[in-house]
Amino acid sequence: MQLALQIVLIVSSILLVLLILLHRGRGGGLSSLFGGGVQSSLSGSSVVEKNLDRMTLFVAAIWVIAIIGTGLLLKVGA
């Protein structure tokens, strides 16, 4: 069980990093440092962005559950 949770944790971590990097920068943070500052100002968010937000939240929830499960297994096993 611990091995399965660790695999889920690694896969969800990689997916979470990739999904976060796919988001469009909204402010003058690091995204504008690398040329993201010149963007067209489109009002509202598209369906793709909403789905990307949902997928990111779903993967983040899986990541949190895997972290808690791994912590509980380590605590019980010790």
N, C-alpha and C. Protein backbone atom coordinates (compact mmCIF):
# COMPACT_ATOMS: atom_id res chain seq x y z
N MET A 1 0.83 -1.20 0.00
CA MET A 1 0.00 0.00 0.00
C MET A 1 0.87 1.26 0.00
N GLN A 2 1.96 1.20 0.77
CA GLN A 2 2.83 2.37 0.85
C GLN A 2 3.49 2.64 -0.50
N LEU A 3 3.88 1.56 -1.20
CA LEU A 3 4.49 1.73 -2.52
C LEU A 3 3.51 2.35 -3.51
N ALA A 4 2.25 1.92 -3.46
CA ALA A 4 1.23 2.47 -4.35
C ALA A 4 1.01 3.96 -4.08
N LEU A 5 0.97 4.33 -2.81
CA LEU A 5 0.78 5.74 -2.47
C LEU A 5 1.99 6.58 -2.89
N GLN A 6 3.18 6.01 -2.78
CA GLN A 6 4.37 6.74 -3.21
C GLN A 6 4.39 6.94 -4.72
N ILE A 7 3.94 5.93 -5.47
CA ILE A 7 3.86 6.07 -6.92
C ILE A 7 2.83 7.12 -7.30
N VAL A 8 1.66 7.10 -6.64
CA VAL A 8 0.63 8.11 -6.88
C VAL A 8 1.17 9.49 -6.55
N LEU A 9 1.93 9.60 -5.47
CA LEU A 9 2.50 10.87 -5.06
C LEU A 9 3.48 11.41 -6.09
N ILE A 10 4.34 10.55 -6.61
CA ILE A 10 5.32 10.99 -7.61
C ILE A 10 4.63 11.42 -8.90
N VAL A 11 3.68 10.61 -9.36
CA VAL A 11 2.98 10.93 -10.61
C VAL A 11 2.17 12.21 -10.46
N SER A 12 1.46 12.34 -9.34
CA SER A 12 0.65 13.55 -9.14
C SER A 12 1.53 14.79 -8.95
N SER A 13 2.70 14.63 -8.36
CA SER A 13 3.61 15.77 -8.22
C SER A 13 4.08 16.27 -9.58
N ILE A 14 4.45 15.35 -10.45
CA ILE A 14 4.90 15.73 -11.79
C ILE A 14 3.76 16.38 -12.57
N LEU A 15 2.57 15.77 -12.49
CA LEU A 15 1.41 16.35 -13.18
C LEU A 15 1.06 17.73 -12.64
N LEU A 16 1.15 17.90 -11.33
CA LEU A 16 0.82 19.19 -10.73
C LEU A 16 1.78 20.27 -11.18
N VAL A 17 3.06 19.96 -11.25
CA VAL A 17 4.04 20.94 -11.72
C VAL A 17 3.75 21.30 -13.18
N LEU A 18 3.47 20.31 -14.01
CA LEU A 18 3.18 20.58 -15.43
C LEU A 18 1.91 21.40 -15.60
N LEU A 19 0.88 21.07 -14.84
CA LEU A 19 -0.38 21.81 -14.96
C LEU A 19 -0.22 23.25 -14.48
N ILE A 20 0.55 23.46 -13.43
CA ILE A 20 0.76 24.82 -12.95
C ILE A 20 1.57 25.63 -13.96
N LEU A 21 2.53 24.99 -14.59
CA LEU A 21 3.32 25.70 -15.60
C LEU A 21 2.52 26.03 -16.85
N LEU A 22 1.44 25.30 -17.10
CA LEU A 22 0.60 25.59 -18.26
C LEU A 22 -0.29 26.82 -18.07
N HIS A 23 -0.50 27.23 -16.83
CA HIS A 23 -1.35 28.39 -16.58
C HIS A 23 -0.71 29.66 -17.14
N ARG A 24 -1.58 30.54 -17.58
CA ARG A 24 -1.12 31.82 -18.11
C ARG A 24 -0.85 32.77 -16.95
N GLY A 25 0.25 33.49 -17.04
CA GLY A 25 0.58 34.45 -16.00
C GLY A 25 -0.40 35.61 -15.99
N ARG A 26 -0.80 36.05 -14.81
CA ARG A 26 -1.79 37.11 -14.72
C ARG A 26 -1.20 38.43 -14.23
N GLY A 27 -0.03 38.41 -13.68
CA GLY A 27 0.52 39.64 -13.11
C GLY A 27 1.93 39.90 -13.58
N GLY A 28 2.61 40.74 -12.87
CA GLY A 28 3.98 41.08 -13.21
C GLY A 28 4.99 40.22 -12.49
N GLY A 29 4.70 38.95 -12.33
CA GLY A 29 5.59 38.07 -11.61
C GLY A 29 6.69 37.53 -12.51
N LEU A 30 7.06 36.29 -12.27
CA LEU A 30 8.14 35.67 -13.04
C LEU A 30 7.76 35.46 -14.50
N SER A 31 6.48 35.31 -14.79
CA SER A 31 6.09 35.08 -16.18
C SER A 31 6.41 36.30 -17.05
N SER A 32 6.32 37.50 -16.50
CA SER A 32 6.62 38.68 -17.29
C SER A 32 8.13 38.88 -17.43
N LEU A 33 8.89 38.27 -16.54
CA LEU A 33 10.34 38.38 -16.61
C LEU A 33 10.88 37.70 -17.87
N PHE A 34 10.22 36.63 -18.29
CA PHE A 34 10.69 35.86 -19.44
C PHE A 34 9.88 36.15 -20.69
N GLY A 35 9.35 37.33 -20.83
CA GLY A 35 8.65 37.72 -22.05
C GLY A 35 7.15 37.54 -22.00
N GLY A 36 6.60 37.20 -20.87
CA GLY A 36 5.16 37.02 -20.77
C GLY A 36 4.42 38.31 -20.50
N GLY A 37 5.13 39.41 -20.39
CA GLY A 37 4.50 40.67 -20.06
C GLY A 37 3.71 41.28 -21.19
N VAL A 38 4.05 40.95 -22.42
CA VAL A 38 3.36 41.50 -23.58
C VAL A 38 2.28 40.51 -23.99
N GLN A 39 1.12 40.65 -23.40
CA GLN A 39 0.01 39.76 -23.68
C GLN A 39 -1.19 40.60 -24.08
N SER A 40 -2.02 40.00 -24.93
CA SER A 40 -3.25 40.69 -25.26
C SER A 40 -4.21 40.55 -24.10
N SER A 41 -4.91 41.61 -23.81
CA SER A 41 -5.81 41.58 -22.65
C SER A 41 -7.18 41.09 -23.11
N LEU A 42 -7.41 39.79 -22.99
CA LEU A 42 -8.71 39.22 -23.33
C LEU A 42 -9.56 39.19 -22.08
N SER A 43 -10.75 39.69 -22.17
CA SER A 43 -11.61 39.71 -20.98
C SER A 43 -12.21 38.33 -20.76
N GLY A 44 -12.27 37.92 -19.51
CA GLY A 44 -12.84 36.62 -19.17
C GLY A 44 -11.84 35.50 -19.40
N SER A 45 -12.23 34.32 -19.01
CA SER A 45 -11.37 33.18 -19.21
C SER A 45 -12.07 32.17 -20.11
N SER A 46 -11.29 31.49 -20.88
CA SER A 46 -11.86 30.58 -21.85
C SER A 46 -12.21 29.25 -21.19
N VAL A 47 -12.86 28.39 -21.93
CA VAL A 47 -13.24 27.07 -21.44
C VAL A 47 -11.99 26.25 -21.15
N VAL A 48 -10.96 26.42 -21.95
CA VAL A 48 -9.72 25.68 -21.75
C VAL A 48 -9.09 26.06 -20.42
N GLU A 49 -9.09 27.33 -20.09
CA GLU A 49 -8.52 27.78 -18.82
C GLU A 49 -9.33 27.26 -17.63
N LYS A 50 -10.65 27.25 -17.77
CA LYS A 50 -11.49 26.73 -16.69
C LYS A 50 -11.24 25.24 -16.49
N ASN A 51 -11.13 24.50 -17.59
CA ASN A 51 -10.85 23.08 -17.47
C ASN A 51 -9.46 22.83 -16.91
N LEU A 52 -8.50 23.67 -17.26
CA LEU A 52 -7.16 23.55 -16.72
C LEU A 52 -7.17 23.83 -15.22
N ASP A 53 -7.97 24.80 -14.79
CA ASP A 53 -8.10 25.08 -13.36
C ASP A 53 -8.70 23.89 -12.63
N ARG A 54 -9.74 23.29 -13.21
CA ARG A 54 -10.38 22.13 -12.59
C ARG A 54 -9.43 20.95 -12.51
N MET A 55 -8.68 20.70 -13.58
CA MET A 55 -7.73 19.60 -13.57
C MET A 55 -6.63 19.83 -12.53
N THR A 56 -6.18 21.07 -12.41
CA THR A 56 -5.15 21.39 -11.43
C THR A 56 -5.66 21.17 -10.02
N LEU A 57 -6.88 21.59 -9.74
CA LEU A 57 -7.45 21.37 -8.41
C LEU A 57 -7.66 19.89 -8.12
N PHE A 58 -8.08 19.13 -9.12
CA PHE A 58 -8.29 17.69 -8.95
C PHE A 58 -6.97 16.98 -8.65
N VAL A 59 -5.92 17.30 -9.42
CA VAL A 59 -4.62 16.68 -9.19
C VAL A 59 -4.04 17.13 -7.85
N ALA A 60 -4.28 18.38 -7.47
CA ALA A 60 -3.81 18.86 -6.17
C ALA A 60 -4.51 18.12 -5.03
N ALA A 61 -5.79 17.82 -5.18
CA ALA A 61 -6.52 17.06 -4.17
C ALA A 61 -5.96 15.64 -4.06
N ILE A 62 -5.67 15.02 -5.19
CA ILE A 62 -5.07 13.68 -5.17
C ILE A 62 -3.70 13.74 -4.50
N TRP A 63 -2.94 14.78 -4.77
CA TRP A 63 -1.61 14.95 -4.17
C TRP A 63 -1.72 15.07 -2.65
N VAL A 64 -2.67 15.88 -2.17
CA VAL A 64 -2.85 16.07 -0.73
C VAL A 64 -3.28 14.76 -0.07
N ILE A 65 -4.19 14.02 -0.71
CA ILE A 65 -4.63 12.74 -0.17
C ILE A 65 -3.47 11.76 -0.10
N ALA A 66 -2.63 11.75 -1.14
CA ALA A 66 -1.47 10.85 -1.14
C ALA A 66 -0.47 11.24 -0.05
N ILE A 67 -0.28 12.53 0.18
CA ILE A 67 0.62 12.99 1.24
C ILE A 67 0.10 12.56 2.61
N ILE A 68 -1.19 12.77 2.85
CA ILE A 68 -1.78 12.41 4.14
C ILE A 68 -1.74 10.90 4.34
N GLY A 69 -2.08 10.16 3.29
CA GLY A 69 -2.05 8.69 3.38
C GLY A 69 -0.66 8.16 3.65
N THR A 70 0.34 8.71 2.98
CA THR A 70 1.72 8.28 3.20
C THR A 70 2.16 8.62 4.62
N GLY A 71 1.80 9.80 5.10
CA GLY A 71 2.14 10.19 6.46
C GLY A 71 1.50 9.29 7.50
N LEU A 72 0.23 8.95 7.28
CA LEU A 72 -0.45 8.06 8.22
C LEU A 72 0.15 6.66 8.21
N LEU A 73 0.50 6.16 7.04
CA LEU A 73 1.12 4.84 6.97
C LEU A 73 2.49 4.82 7.64
N LEU A 74 3.24 5.90 7.48
CA LEU A 74 4.55 5.97 8.13
C LEU A 74 4.40 6.08 9.65
N LYS A 75 3.38 6.79 10.09
CA LYS A 75 3.16 6.94 11.53
C LYS A 75 2.71 5.63 12.17
N VAL A 76 1.83 4.93 11.50
CA VAL A 76 1.31 3.66 12.03
C VAL A 76 2.39 2.59 11.97
N GLY A 77 3.18 2.60 10.90
CA GLY A 77 4.22 1.59 10.73
C GLY A 77 5.40 1.78 11.65
N ALA A 78 5.61 2.98 12.17
CA ALA A 78 6.79 3.25 13.02
C ALA A 78 6.59 2.87 14.45
